[in-house]
Amino acid sequence: MELIKVDQLTKTFGDLVAVDHVSFSIEQGEIFGFLGPNGAGKTTTLSILSTLLKPTSGQAFVNGYDVENQQSQVRRSIGVVFQDPTLDEELTARENMDIHGRLYGMKHRKARIDELLKLVELENRKNQLVKQFSGGMKRRLEIARGLLHDPQILFLDEPTLGLDPQTRNHLWDYIRDLNQKKGVTIILTTHYMDEAEKLSDRVAIIDHGQIIALDTPMALKEQVGGSRIRIESKENQKILQRLQGIKWLNNLTNYNGFTDITLQNAEKKIAGVIREINDLPIDSVSLKIPSLEDVFLHYTGKTIREQEASAKDRIRQHRKASRR
């Protein structure tokens, strides 16, 4: 069952195209990841789906409701954890939850608040001021607050931004549990490759406002041509000549000091490769499994960090032009 359907969605700000004719759908029970650099259009897309922005053109439906004409129904269907903190730090955890419940008209919310604070392991901190919380505790409280009205869909915008690795891993566990045990459909934006790969059932790679690839993490990685064996040696040319004569090795790349071999199931064939050259001097042999970073590089010709830098330049140039 499709919970979200997007068709040719576009959002412009003056002459800046933030989202460019994007189309996709999300099934009930999925964890769907938007992966891309800052400025790629991830947050803008999420803002449209959560009714915070109106699209310039195109259509989007959330839980069967039109995001432009049925905003109240959409908002009842979703919970949102924004990229920027939105908690009142002068209130306690319980008070933040209670205010949210009042806004949704929840009359019998006490038991639900207690249940969710326990879920995110904050039941013993419920009467503590939020300004005394760590970054990870605040993020967990925001997730609990987003779930208070029992939404079918949860939007997470860069949920682990700025958190330390241990806290990120704990938060990933909460997200998986929400999906697997509670059946919540989750849409998250991230520019962390490992986060998209470990959490998402499917990943949409977005760049310059366009979806350039969409599939499962495994299928996306397979598109870049399999695993890679890297051989470093002072006799690199001799190794390359030897390997070029082997029929089942047909994707060799020669660099100064090392040879890359890209092939399917390289981890099972590495021993055979070494046998072919074991009489030649070898400094090191390494195996690299394709990552989503490789996929991004394959489709854009740049790393995600390079794209973030160019996106920031485009935004600065647009702002300068707008002030003139």
C-alpha atoms as a PDB file:
ATOM      1  CA  MET A   1       0.000   0.000   0.000  1.00  0.00           C
ATOM      2  CA  GLU A   2       1.371   3.413  -1.012  1.00  0.00           C
ATOM      3  CA  LEU A   3       1.403   5.915   1.846  1.00  0.00           C
ATOM      4  CA  ILE A   4       3.214   8.653  -0.067  1.00  0.00           C
ATOM      5  CA  LYS A   5       3.010   9.452  -3.778  1.00  0.00           C
ATOM      6  CA  VAL A   6       4.897  12.322  -5.393  1.00  0.00           C
ATOM      7  CA  ASP A   7       4.495  13.303  -9.039  1.00  0.00           C
ATOM      8  CA  GLN A   8       6.695  15.874 -10.813  1.00  0.00           C
ATOM      9  CA  LEU A   9       7.114  17.901  -7.621  1.00  0.00           C
ATOM     10  CA  THR A  10       8.904  21.219  -8.170  1.00  0.00           C
ATOM     11  CA  LYS A  11       9.802  24.084  -5.840  1.00  0.00           C
ATOM     12  CA  THR A  12      11.527  27.278  -6.932  1.00  0.00           C
ATOM     13  CA  PHE A  13      12.675  30.322  -4.974  1.00  0.00           C
ATOM     14  CA  GLY A  14      12.988  33.031  -7.596  1.00  0.00           C
ATOM     15  CA  ASP A  15      15.392  31.597 -10.179  1.00  0.00           C
ATOM     16  CA  LEU A  16      16.751  28.966  -7.755  1.00  0.00           C
ATOM     17  CA  VAL A  17      15.278  25.510  -8.431  1.00  0.00           C
ATOM     18  CA  ALA A  18      15.380  23.705  -5.073  1.00  0.00           C
ATOM     19  CA  VAL A  19      13.297  20.672  -6.120  1.00  0.00           C
ATOM     20  CA  ASP A  20      13.202  19.802  -9.807  1.00  0.00           C
ATOM     21  CA  HIS A  21      10.361  17.564 -11.092  1.00  0.00           C
ATOM     22  CA  VAL A  22      10.792  14.862  -8.446  1.00  0.00           C
ATOM     23  CA  SER A  23       8.652  11.699  -8.577  1.00  0.00           C
ATOM     24  CA  PHE A  24       8.629   8.709  -6.206  1.00  0.00           C
ATOM     25  CA  SER A  25       6.349   6.635  -3.989  1.00  0.00           C
ATOM     26  CA  ILE A  26       6.780   5.110  -0.515  1.00  0.00           C
ATOM     27  CA  GLU A  27       5.125   1.928   0.678  1.00  0.00           C
ATOM     28  CA  GLN A  28       3.575   1.392   4.086  1.00  0.00           C
ATOM     29  CA  GLY A  29       6.154   0.072   6.567  1.00  0.00           C
ATOM     30  CA  GLU A  30       9.220   1.290   4.639  1.00  0.00           C
ATOM     31  CA  ILE A  31      12.202   3.182   5.914  1.00  0.00           C
ATOM     32  CA  PHE A  32      12.886   5.482   2.964  1.00  0.00           C
ATOM     33  CA  GLY A  33      16.094   7.499   2.869  1.00  0.00           C
ATOM     34  CA  PHE A  34      16.850  10.745   1.072  1.00  0.00           C
ATOM     35  CA  LEU A  35      20.619  10.868   0.648  1.00  0.00           C
ATOM     36  CA  GLY A  36      22.390  13.910  -0.663  1.00  0.00           C
ATOM     37  CA  PRO A  37      24.594  16.889   0.202  1.00  0.00           C
ATOM     38  CA  ASN A  38      23.332  19.916   2.072  1.00  0.00           C
ATOM     39  CA  GLY A  39      21.480  22.117  -0.408  1.00  0.00           C
ATOM     40  CA  ALA A  40      20.420  19.202  -2.624  1.00  0.00           C
ATOM     41  CA  GLY A  41      16.674  19.605  -1.961  1.00  0.00           C
ATOM     42  CA  LYS A  42      16.096  17.015   0.787  1.00  0.00           C
ATOM     43  CA  THR A  43      14.691  19.326   3.450  1.00  0.00           C
ATOM     44  CA  THR A  44      12.651  21.295   0.901  1.00  0.00           C
ATOM     45  CA  THR A  45      10.996  18.065  -0.265  1.00  0.00           C
ATOM     46  CA  LEU A  46      10.244  17.083   3.326  1.00  0.00           C
ATOM     47  CA  SER A  47       8.865  20.558   4.051  1.00  0.00           C
ATOM     48  CA  ILE A  48       6.419  20.232   1.151  1.00  0.00           C
ATOM     49  CA  LEU A  49       5.316  16.749   2.265  1.00  0.00           C
ATOM     50  CA  SER A  50       4.746  18.038   5.819  1.00  0.00           C
ATOM     51  CA  THR A  51       2.725  21.041   4.495  1.00  0.00           C
ATOM     52  CA  LEU A  52       5.254  23.667   5.639  1.00  0.00           C
ATOM     53  CA  LEU A  53       5.892  24.760   2.046  1.00  0.00           C
ATOM     54  CA  LYS A  54       3.646  24.853  -0.996  1.00  0.00           C
ATOM     55  CA  PRO A  55       4.996  23.332  -4.199  1.00  0.00           C
ATOM     56  CA  THR A  56       5.516  25.511  -7.239  1.00  0.00           C
ATOM     57  CA  SER A  57       4.126  22.717  -9.400  1.00  0.00           C
ATOM     58  CA  GLY A  58       3.446  19.001  -9.292  1.00  0.00           C
ATOM     59  CA  GLN A  59       1.456  16.947  -6.774  1.00  0.00           C
ATOM     60  CA  ALA A  60       2.106  15.109  -3.549  1.00  0.00           C
ATOM     61  CA  PHE A  61      -0.173  12.880  -1.491  1.00  0.00           C
ATOM     62  CA  VAL A  62       0.494  11.714   2.070  1.00  0.00           C
ATOM     63  CA  ASN A  63      -1.701   8.918   3.417  1.00  0.00           C
ATOM     64  CA  GLY A  64      -3.996   9.600   0.481  1.00  0.00           C
ATOM     65  CA  TYR A  65      -4.368  13.312   1.275  1.00  0.00           C
ATOM     66  CA  ASP A  66      -3.326  16.187  -0.984  1.00  0.00           C
ATOM     67  CA  VAL A  67      -0.571  18.233   0.719  1.00  0.00           C
ATOM     68  CA  GLU A  68      -1.966  21.474  -0.697  1.00  0.00           C
ATOM     69  CA  ASN A  69      -5.713  21.051  -0.237  1.00  0.00           C
ATOM     70  CA  GLN A  70      -5.991  18.674   2.733  1.00  0.00           C
ATOM     71  CA  GLN A  71      -3.326  19.985   5.063  1.00  0.00           C
ATOM     72  CA  SER A  72      -5.125  19.193   8.350  1.00  0.00           C
ATOM     73  CA  GLN A  73      -5.557  15.525   7.375  1.00  0.00           C
ATOM     74  CA  VAL A  74      -1.891  15.315   6.313  1.00  0.00           C
ATOM     75  CA  ARG A  75      -0.710  16.787   9.621  1.00  0.00           C
ATOM     76  CA  ARG A  76      -2.745  14.297  11.633  1.00  0.00           C
ATOM     77  CA  SER A  77      -1.093  11.479   9.667  1.00  0.00           C
ATOM     78  CA  ILE A  78       2.510  12.531  10.262  1.00  0.00           C
ATOM     79  CA  GLY A  79       5.008  13.209  12.991  1.00  0.00           C
ATOM     80  CA  VAL A  80       7.990  15.464  12.241  1.00  0.00           C
ATOM     81  CA  VAL A  81      11.427  15.759  13.816  1.00  0.00           C
ATOM     82  CA  PHE A  82      13.010  18.856  12.335  1.00  0.00           C
ATOM     83  CA  GLN A  83      16.696  19.331  11.611  1.00  0.00           C
ATOM     84  CA  ASP A  84      16.862  22.311  13.965  1.00  0.00           C
ATOM     85  CA  PRO A  85      15.855  21.787  17.630  1.00  0.00           C
ATOM     86  CA  THR A  86      12.297  22.909  18.442  1.00  0.00           C
ATOM     87  CA  LEU A  87      12.037  21.950  22.131  1.00  0.00           C
ATOM     88  CA  ASP A  88      11.398  24.572  24.821  1.00  0.00           C
ATOM     89  CA  GLU A  89      14.503  24.189  26.961  1.00  0.00           C
ATOM     90  CA  GLU A  90      12.959  26.057  29.906  1.00  0.00           C
ATOM     91  CA  LEU A  91      10.302  23.332  30.262  1.00  0.00           C
ATOM     92  CA  THR A  92      10.642  19.746  31.432  1.00  0.00           C
ATOM     93  CA  ALA A  93      10.449  16.749  29.114  1.00  0.00           C
ATOM     94  CA  ARG A  94       6.892  15.999  30.284  1.00  0.00           C
ATOM     95  CA  GLU A  95       5.812  19.627  29.830  1.00  0.00           C
ATOM     96  CA  ASN A  96       7.139  19.668  26.249  1.00  0.00           C
ATOM     97  CA  MET A  97       5.177  16.503  25.516  1.00  0.00           C
ATOM     98  CA  ASP A  98       2.047  17.811  27.232  1.00  0.00           C
ATOM     99  CA  ILE A  99       1.979  21.043  25.212  1.00  0.00           C
ATOM    100  CA  HIS A 100       2.287  19.031  21.999  1.00  0.00           C
ATOM    101  CA  GLY A 101      -0.613  16.813  23.072  1.00  0.00           C
ATOM    102  CA  ARG A 102      -2.772  19.848  23.832  1.00  0.00           C
ATOM    103  CA  LEU A 103      -2.075  21.260  20.355  1.00  0.00           C
ATOM    104  CA  TYR A 104      -3.407  17.999  18.885  1.00  0.00           C
ATOM    105  CA  GLY A 105      -6.455  18.103  21.153  1.00  0.00           C
ATOM    106  CA  MET A 106      -5.478  14.934  23.026  1.00  0.00           C
ATOM    107  CA  LYS A 107      -7.617  14.790  26.189  1.00  0.00           C
ATOM    108  CA  HIS A 108      -6.252  11.542  27.647  1.00  0.00           C
ATOM    109  CA  ARG A 109      -2.562  11.994  26.959  1.00  0.00           C
ATOM    110  CA  LYS A 110      -0.880  11.220  30.310  1.00  0.00           C
ATOM    111  CA  ALA A 111      -0.581   7.461  29.725  1.00  0.00           C
ATOM    112  CA  ARG A 112       0.618   7.994  26.149  1.00  0.00           C
ATOM    113  CA  ILE A 113       3.291  10.450  27.318  1.00  0.00           C
ATOM    114  CA  ASP A 114       4.522   7.980  29.947  1.00  0.00           C
ATOM    115  CA  GLU A 115       4.590   5.182  27.369  1.00  0.00           C
ATOM    116  CA  LEU A 116       6.690   7.167  24.897  1.00  0.00           C
ATOM    117  CA  LEU A 117       9.114   8.544  27.496  1.00  0.00           C
ATOM    118  CA  LYS A 118       9.718   4.959  28.550  1.00  0.00           C
ATOM    119  CA  LEU A 119      10.208   3.935  24.912  1.00  0.00           C
ATOM    120  CA  VAL A 120      13.051   6.449  24.483  1.00  0.00           C
ATOM    121  CA  GLU A 121      14.447   5.732  27.969  1.00  0.00           C
ATOM    122  CA  LEU A 122      13.648   9.155  29.416  1.00  0.00           C
ATOM    123  CA  GLU A 123      11.017   8.112  31.974  1.00  0.00           C
ATOM    124  CA  ASN A 124      13.433   8.893  34.826  1.00  0.00           C
ATOM    125  CA  ARG A 125      14.161  12.351  33.382  1.00  0.00           C
ATOM    126  CA  LYS A 126      10.578  13.406  32.665  1.00  0.00           C
ATOM    127  CA  ASN A 127      10.597  16.169  35.293  1.00  0.00           C
ATOM    128  CA  GLN A 128      14.044  17.481  34.383  1.00  0.00           C
ATOM    129  CA  LEU A 129      14.495  20.709  32.417  1.00  0.00           C
ATOM    130  CA  VAL A 130      15.367  20.064  28.791  1.00  0.00           C
ATOM    131  CA  LYS A 131      18.264  22.549  28.910  1.00  0.00           C
ATOM    132  CA  GLN A 132      20.041  20.012  31.129  1.00  0.00           C
ATOM    133  CA  PHE A 133      19.738  17.249  28.504  1.00  0.00           C
ATOM    134  CA  SER A 134      22.518  16.052  26.208  1.00  0.00           C
ATOM    135  CA  GLY A 135      22.128  16.330  22.436  1.00  0.00           C
ATOM    136  CA  GLY A 136      21.141  12.669  22.152  1.00  0.00           C
ATOM    137  CA  MET A 137      18.528  12.970  24.907  1.00  0.00           C
ATOM    138  CA  LYS A 138      16.977  15.981  23.193  1.00  0.00           C
ATOM    139  CA  ARG A 139      16.811  14.099  19.900  1.00  0.00           C
ATOM    140  CA  ARG A 140      15.107  11.132  21.580  1.00  0.00           C
ATOM    141  CA  LEU A 141      12.612  13.464  23.230  1.00  0.00           C
ATOM    142  CA  GLU A 142      11.831  15.071  19.864  1.00  0.00           C
ATOM    143  CA  ILE A 143      11.172  11.634  18.369  1.00  0.00           C
ATOM    144  CA  ALA A 144       8.880  10.747  21.306  1.00  0.00           C
ATOM    145  CA  ARG A 145       7.029  14.042  20.858  1.00  0.00           C
ATOM    146  CA  GLY A 146       6.628  13.403  17.109  1.00  0.00           C
ATOM    147  CA  LEU A 147       4.972  10.048  17.910  1.00  0.00           C
ATOM    148  CA  LEU A 148       2.617  11.379  20.601  1.00  0.00           C
ATOM    149  CA  HIS A 149      -0.493  11.598  18.400  1.00  0.00           C
ATOM    150  CA  ASP A 150       0.202   8.084  17.004  1.00  0.00           C
ATOM    151  CA  PRO A 151       1.033   9.060  13.396  1.00  0.00           C
ATOM    152  CA  GLN A 152       1.343   6.480  10.635  1.00  0.00           C
ATOM    153  CA  ILE A 153       4.332   8.294   9.133  1.00  0.00           C
ATOM    154  CA  LEU A 154       7.382   9.853  10.794  1.00  0.00           C
ATOM    155  CA  PHE A 155       9.586  12.410   9.011  1.00  0.00           C
ATOM    156  CA  LEU A 156      13.148  12.645  10.354  1.00  0.00           C
ATOM    157  CA  ASP A 157      15.219  15.506   8.941  1.00  0.00           C
ATOM    158  CA  GLU A 158      18.938  14.802   9.554  1.00  0.00           C
ATOM    159  CA  PRO A 159      18.064  12.995  12.825  1.00  0.00           C
ATOM    160  CA  THR A 160      21.657  12.413  14.011  1.00  0.00           C
ATOM    161  CA  LEU A 161      23.285  15.648  12.841  1.00  0.00           C
ATOM    162  CA  GLY A 162      25.953  16.741  15.303  1.00  0.00           C
ATOM    163  CA  LEU A 163      25.723  13.666  17.539  1.00  0.00           C
ATOM    164  CA  ASP A 164      28.701  11.551  18.559  1.00  0.00           C
ATOM    165  CA  PRO A 165      29.077   8.071  16.958  1.00  0.00           C
ATOM    166  CA  GLN A 166      27.856   6.147  20.028  1.00  0.00           C
ATOM    167  CA  THR A 167      24.718   8.281  20.368  1.00  0.00           C
ATOM    168  CA  ARG A 168      24.082   7.974  16.615  1.00  0.00           C
ATOM    169  CA  ASN A 169      24.159   4.170  16.884  1.00  0.00           C
ATOM    170  CA  HIS A 170      21.715   4.234  19.812  1.00  0.00           C
ATOM    171  CA  LEU A 171      19.372   6.499  17.864  1.00  0.00           C
ATOM    172  CA  TRP A 172      19.539   4.149  14.866  1.00  0.00           C
ATOM    173  CA  ASP A 173      18.339   1.358  17.172  1.00  0.00           C
ATOM    174  CA  TYR A 174      15.322   3.446  18.233  1.00  0.00           C
ATOM    175  CA  ILE A 175      14.463   4.202  14.601  1.00  0.00           C
ATOM    176  CA  ARG A 176      14.639   0.525  13.611  1.00  0.00           C
ATOM    177  CA  ASP A 177      12.479  -0.488  16.588  1.00  0.00           C
ATOM    178  CA  LEU A 178       9.852   2.109  15.709  1.00  0.00           C
ATOM    179  CA  ASN A 179       9.681   0.707  12.210  1.00  0.00           C
ATOM    180  CA  GLN A 180       9.830  -3.003  13.016  1.00  0.00           C
ATOM    181  CA  LYS A 181       7.900  -3.182  16.302  1.00  0.00           C
ATOM    182  CA  LYS A 182       5.481  -0.274  15.938  1.00  0.00           C
ATOM    183  CA  GLY A 183       5.006  -0.435  12.160  1.00  0.00           C
ATOM    184  CA  VAL A 184       5.768   3.271  11.656  1.00  0.00           C
ATOM    185  CA  THR A 185       6.659   4.266   8.102  1.00  0.00           C
ATOM    186  CA  ILE A 186       9.780   6.431   8.293  1.00  0.00           C
ATOM    187  CA  ILE A 187      11.204   8.938   5.827  1.00  0.00           C
ATOM    188  CA  LEU A 188      14.596  10.320   6.763  1.00  0.00           C
ATOM    189  CA  THR A 189      16.967  12.775   5.151  1.00  0.00           C
ATOM    190  CA  THR A 190      20.693  12.438   5.667  1.00  0.00           C
ATOM    191  CA  HIS A 191      24.057  13.209   4.148  1.00  0.00           C
ATOM    192  CA  TYR A 192      25.678  10.384   6.119  1.00  0.00           C
ATOM    193  CA  MET A 193      26.322   7.422   3.814  1.00  0.00           C
ATOM    194  CA  ASP A 194      26.413   4.868   6.634  1.00  0.00           C
ATOM    195  CA  GLU A 195      23.129   6.124   8.053  1.00  0.00           C
ATOM    196  CA  ALA A 196      21.306   5.791   4.732  1.00  0.00           C
ATOM    197  CA  GLU A 197      22.822   2.353   4.110  1.00  0.00           C
ATOM    198  CA  LYS A 198      22.153   0.841   7.530  1.00  0.00           C
ATOM    199  CA  LEU A 199      18.639   2.193   8.065  1.00  0.00           C
ATOM    200  CA  SER A 200      16.931   2.471   4.688  1.00  0.00           C
ATOM    201  CA  ASP A 201      14.967  -0.193   2.817  1.00  0.00           C
ATOM    202  CA  ARG A 202      15.292   2.050  -0.241  1.00  0.00           C
ATOM    203  CA  VAL A 203      17.420   5.119  -0.875  1.00  0.00           C
ATOM    204  CA  ALA A 204      16.784   8.055  -3.192  1.00  0.00           C
ATOM    205  CA  ILE A 205      20.014   9.879  -4.025  1.00  0.00           C
ATOM    206  CA  ILE A 206      19.168  13.515  -4.642  1.00  0.00           C
ATOM    207  CA  ASP A 207      21.428  16.173  -6.116  1.00  0.00           C
ATOM    208  CA  HIS A 208      20.706  19.627  -7.546  1.00  0.00           C
ATOM    209  CA  GLY A 209      17.029  19.062  -6.684  1.00  0.00           C
ATOM    210  CA  GLN A 210      16.724  15.907  -8.792  1.00  0.00           C
ATOM    211  CA  ILE A 211      16.572  12.224  -7.875  1.00  0.00           C
ATOM    212  CA  ILE A 212      19.498  10.701  -9.761  1.00  0.00           C
ATOM    213  CA  ALA A 213      19.140   7.133  -8.432  1.00  0.00           C
ATOM    214  CA  LEU A 214      16.544   5.204  -6.408  1.00  0.00           C
ATOM    215  CA  ASP A 215      16.729   1.580  -5.246  1.00  0.00           C
ATOM    216  CA  THR A 216      17.750  -0.601  -2.330  1.00  0.00           C
ATOM    217  CA  PRO A 217      21.254   0.125  -0.980  1.00  0.00           C
ATOM    218  CA  MET A 218      22.476  -3.266  -2.256  1.00  0.00           C
ATOM    219  CA  ALA A 219      21.078  -2.741  -5.764  1.00  0.00           C
ATOM    220  CA  LEU A 220      22.571   0.749  -5.950  1.00  0.00           C
ATOM    221  CA  LYS A 221      26.007  -0.543  -4.974  1.00  0.00           C
ATOM    222  CA  GLU A 222      25.806  -3.323  -7.540  1.00  0.00           C
ATOM    223  CA  GLN A 223      25.303  -0.689 -10.240  1.00  0.00           C
ATOM    224  CA  VAL A 224      28.875   0.595  -9.803  1.00  0.00           C
ATOM    225  CA  GLY A 225      30.329  -2.736 -10.904  1.00  0.00           C
ATOM    226  CA  GLY A 226      31.010  -4.928  -7.919  1.00  0.00           C
ATOM    227  CA  SER A 227      33.774  -5.116  -5.336  1.00  0.00           C
ATOM    228  CA  ARG A 228      37.293  -3.834  -5.916  1.00  0.00           C
ATOM    229  CA  ILE A 229      40.660  -5.484  -5.302  1.00  0.00           C
ATOM    230  CA  ARG A 230      43.556  -3.059  -4.954  1.00  0.00           C
ATOM    231  CA  ILE A 231      47.125  -4.307  -5.405  1.00  0.00           C
ATOM    232  CA  GLU A 232      50.042  -2.024  -4.524  1.00  0.00           C
ATOM    233  CA  SER A 233      53.486  -2.852  -5.830  1.00  0.00           C
ATOM    234  CA  LYS A 234      56.697  -1.276  -7.089  1.00  0.00           C
ATOM    235  CA  GLU A 235      56.315  -3.631 -10.070  1.00  0.00           C
ATOM    236  CA  ASN A 236      52.868  -2.328 -10.880  1.00  0.00           C
ATOM    237  CA  GLN A 237      53.354  -2.452 -14.654  1.00  0.00           C
ATOM    238  CA  LYS A 238      54.419  -6.105 -14.580  1.00  0.00           C
ATOM    239  CA  ILE A 239      51.406  -7.003 -12.439  1.00  0.00           C
ATOM    240  CA  LEU A 240      49.087  -5.169 -14.821  1.00  0.00           C
ATOM    241  CA  GLN A 241      50.553  -6.959 -17.873  1.00  0.00           C
ATOM    242  CA  ARG A 242      50.184 -10.338 -16.164  1.00  0.00           C
ATOM    243  CA  LEU A 243      46.560  -9.729 -15.160  1.00  0.00           C
ATOM    244  CA  GLN A 244      45.571  -8.311 -18.548  1.00  0.00           C
ATOM    245  CA  GLY A 245      46.087 -11.759 -20.057  1.00  0.00           C
ATOM    246  CA  ILE A 246      43.452 -13.368 -17.810  1.00  0.00           C
ATOM    247  CA  LYS A 247      40.042 -13.631 -19.499  1.00  0.00           C
ATOM    248  CA  TRP A 248      37.901 -13.435 -16.345  1.00  0.00           C
ATOM    249  CA  LEU A 249      39.610 -10.190 -15.318  1.00  0.00           C
ATOM    250  CA  ASN A 250      38.366  -7.594 -17.776  1.00  0.00           C
ATOM    251  CA  ASN A 251      37.966  -4.452 -15.651  1.00  0.00           C
ATOM    252  CA  LEU A 252      41.443  -3.264 -14.666  1.00  0.00           C
ATOM    253  CA  THR A 253      42.472   0.278 -13.793  1.00  0.00           C
ATOM    254  CA  ASN A 254      46.132   1.224 -13.554  1.00  0.00           C
ATOM    255  CA  TYR A 255      47.368   4.001 -11.284  1.00  0.00           C
ATOM    256  CA  ASN A 256      50.865   5.057 -10.293  1.00  0.00           C
ATOM    257  CA  GLY A 257      51.819   2.402  -7.778  1.00  0.00           C
ATOM    258  CA  PHE A 258      48.691   0.266  -7.703  1.00  0.00           C
ATOM    259  CA  THR A 259      46.212  -1.660  -9.826  1.00  0.00           C
ATOM    260  CA  ASP A 260      42.435  -1.734  -9.217  1.00  0.00           C
ATOM    261  CA  ILE A 261      40.369  -4.753 -10.285  1.00  0.00           C
ATOM    262  CA  THR A 262      36.579  -4.294 -10.196  1.00  0.00           C
ATOM    263  CA  LEU A 263      34.442  -7.430 -10.444  1.00  0.00           C
ATOM    264  CA  GLN A 264      31.415  -9.137  -8.972  1.00  0.00           C
ATOM    265  CA  ASN A 265      32.075 -11.261  -5.851  1.00  0.00           C
ATOM    266  CA  ALA A 266      35.669 -10.033  -5.668  1.00  0.00           C
ATOM    267  CA  GLU A 267      35.942 -11.319  -2.108  1.00  0.00           C
ATOM    268  CA  LYS A 268      35.578 -14.892  -3.457  1.00  0.00           C
ATOM    269  CA  LYS A 269      38.100 -14.361  -6.272  1.00  0.00           C
ATOM    270  CA  ILE A 270      40.876 -12.512  -4.445  1.00  0.00           C
ATOM    271  CA  ALA A 271      42.812 -15.730  -3.732  1.00  0.00           C
ATOM    272  CA  GLY A 272      42.798 -16.613  -7.437  1.00  0.00           C
ATOM    273  CA  VAL A 273      44.124 -13.165  -8.342  1.00  0.00           C
ATOM    274  CA  ILE A 274      46.980 -13.452  -5.856  1.00  0.00           C
ATOM    275  CA  ARG A 275      47.918 -16.908  -7.189  1.00  0.00           C
ATOM    276  CA  GLU A 276      48.412 -15.402 -10.652  1.00  0.00           C
ATOM    277  CA  ILE A 277      50.998 -12.884  -9.419  1.00  0.00           C
ATOM    278  CA  ASN A 278      52.512 -14.541  -6.334  1.00  0.00           C
ATOM    279  CA  ASP A 279      55.988 -14.613  -7.917  1.00  0.00           C
ATOM    280  CA  LEU A 280      55.998 -10.801  -8.223  1.00  0.00           C
ATOM    281  CA  PRO A 281      56.737  -8.381  -5.347  1.00  0.00           C
ATOM    282  CA  ILE A 282      53.523  -7.159  -3.673  1.00  0.00           C
ATOM    283  CA  ASP A 283      53.407  -4.413  -1.034  1.00  0.00           C
ATOM    284  CA  SER A 284      49.740  -4.821  -0.126  1.00  0.00           C
ATOM    285  CA  VAL A 285      46.424  -6.279  -1.279  1.00  0.00           C
ATOM    286  CA  SER A 286      43.112  -4.818  -0.082  1.00  0.00           C
ATOM    287  CA  LEU A 287      39.452  -5.501  -0.767  1.00  0.00           C
ATOM    288  CA  LYS A 288      36.920  -2.659  -0.988  1.00  0.00           C
ATOM    289  CA  ILE A 289      33.202  -3.367  -0.989  1.00  0.00           C
ATOM    290  CA  PRO A 290      31.220  -0.696  -2.904  1.00  0.00           C
ATOM    291  CA  SER A 291      29.593   1.962  -0.748  1.00  0.00           C
ATOM    292  CA  LEU A 292      26.896   4.544  -1.382  1.00  0.00           C
ATOM    293  CA  GLU A 293      29.740   7.076  -1.638  1.00  0.00           C
ATOM    294  CA  ASP A 294      30.920   5.126  -4.701  1.00  0.00           C
ATOM    295  CA  VAL A 295      27.366   5.244  -6.089  1.00  0.00           C
ATOM    296  CA  PHE A 296      27.174   9.008  -5.550  1.00  0.00           C
ATOM    297  CA  LEU A 297      30.566   9.473  -7.215  1.00  0.00           C
ATOM    298  CA  HIS A 298      29.475   7.222 -10.099  1.00  0.00           C
ATOM    299  CA  TYR A 299      26.372   9.311 -10.863  1.00  0.00           C
ATOM    300  CA  THR A 300      27.704  12.823 -10.165  1.00  0.00           C
ATOM    301  CA  GLY A 301      31.454  12.619 -10.770  1.00  0.00           C
ATOM    302  CA  LYS A 302      32.012  14.219  -7.362  1.00  0.00           C
ATOM    303  CA  THR A 303      32.050  13.154  -3.730  1.00  0.00           C
ATOM    304  CA  ILE A 304      29.186  14.285  -1.520  1.00  0.00           C
ATOM    305  CA  ARG A 305      31.507  16.769   0.227  1.00  0.00           C
ATOM    306  CA  GLU A 306      32.513  18.316  -3.092  1.00  0.00           C
ATOM    307  CA  GLN A 307      28.844  18.647  -4.025  1.00  0.00           C
ATOM    308  CA  GLU A 308      28.080  20.297  -0.672  1.00  0.00           C
ATOM    309  CA  ALA A 309      30.771  22.884  -1.353  1.00  0.00           C
ATOM    310  CA  SER A 310      29.420  23.626  -4.843  1.00  0.00           C
ATOM    311  CA  ALA A 311      25.856  23.812  -3.463  1.00  0.00           C
ATOM    312  CA  LYS A 312      26.943  26.399  -0.888  1.00  0.00           C
ATOM    313  CA  ASP A 313      28.560  28.418  -3.671  1.00  0.00           C
ATOM    314  CA  ARG A 314      25.335  28.316  -5.716  1.00  0.00           C
ATOM    315  CA  ILE A 315      23.280  29.484  -2.723  1.00  0.00           C
ATOM    316  CA  ARG A 316      25.721  32.328  -1.972  1.00  0.00           C
ATOM    317  CA  GLN A 317      25.658  33.437  -5.607  1.00  0.00           C
ATOM    318  CA  HIS A 318      21.847  33.328  -5.646  1.00  0.00           C
ATOM    319  CA  ARG A 319      21.663  35.442  -2.477  1.00  0.00           C
ATOM    320  CA  LYS A 320      24.088  38.007  -3.916  1.00  0.00           C
ATOM    321  CA  ALA A 321      22.050  38.197  -7.124  1.00  0.00           C
ATOM    322  CA  SER A 322      18.806  38.578  -5.132  1.00  0.00           C
ATOM    323  CA  ARG A 323      20.211  41.570  -3.200  1.00  0.00           C
ATOM    324  CA  ARG A 324      21.106  43.463  -6.355  1.00  0.00           C
END
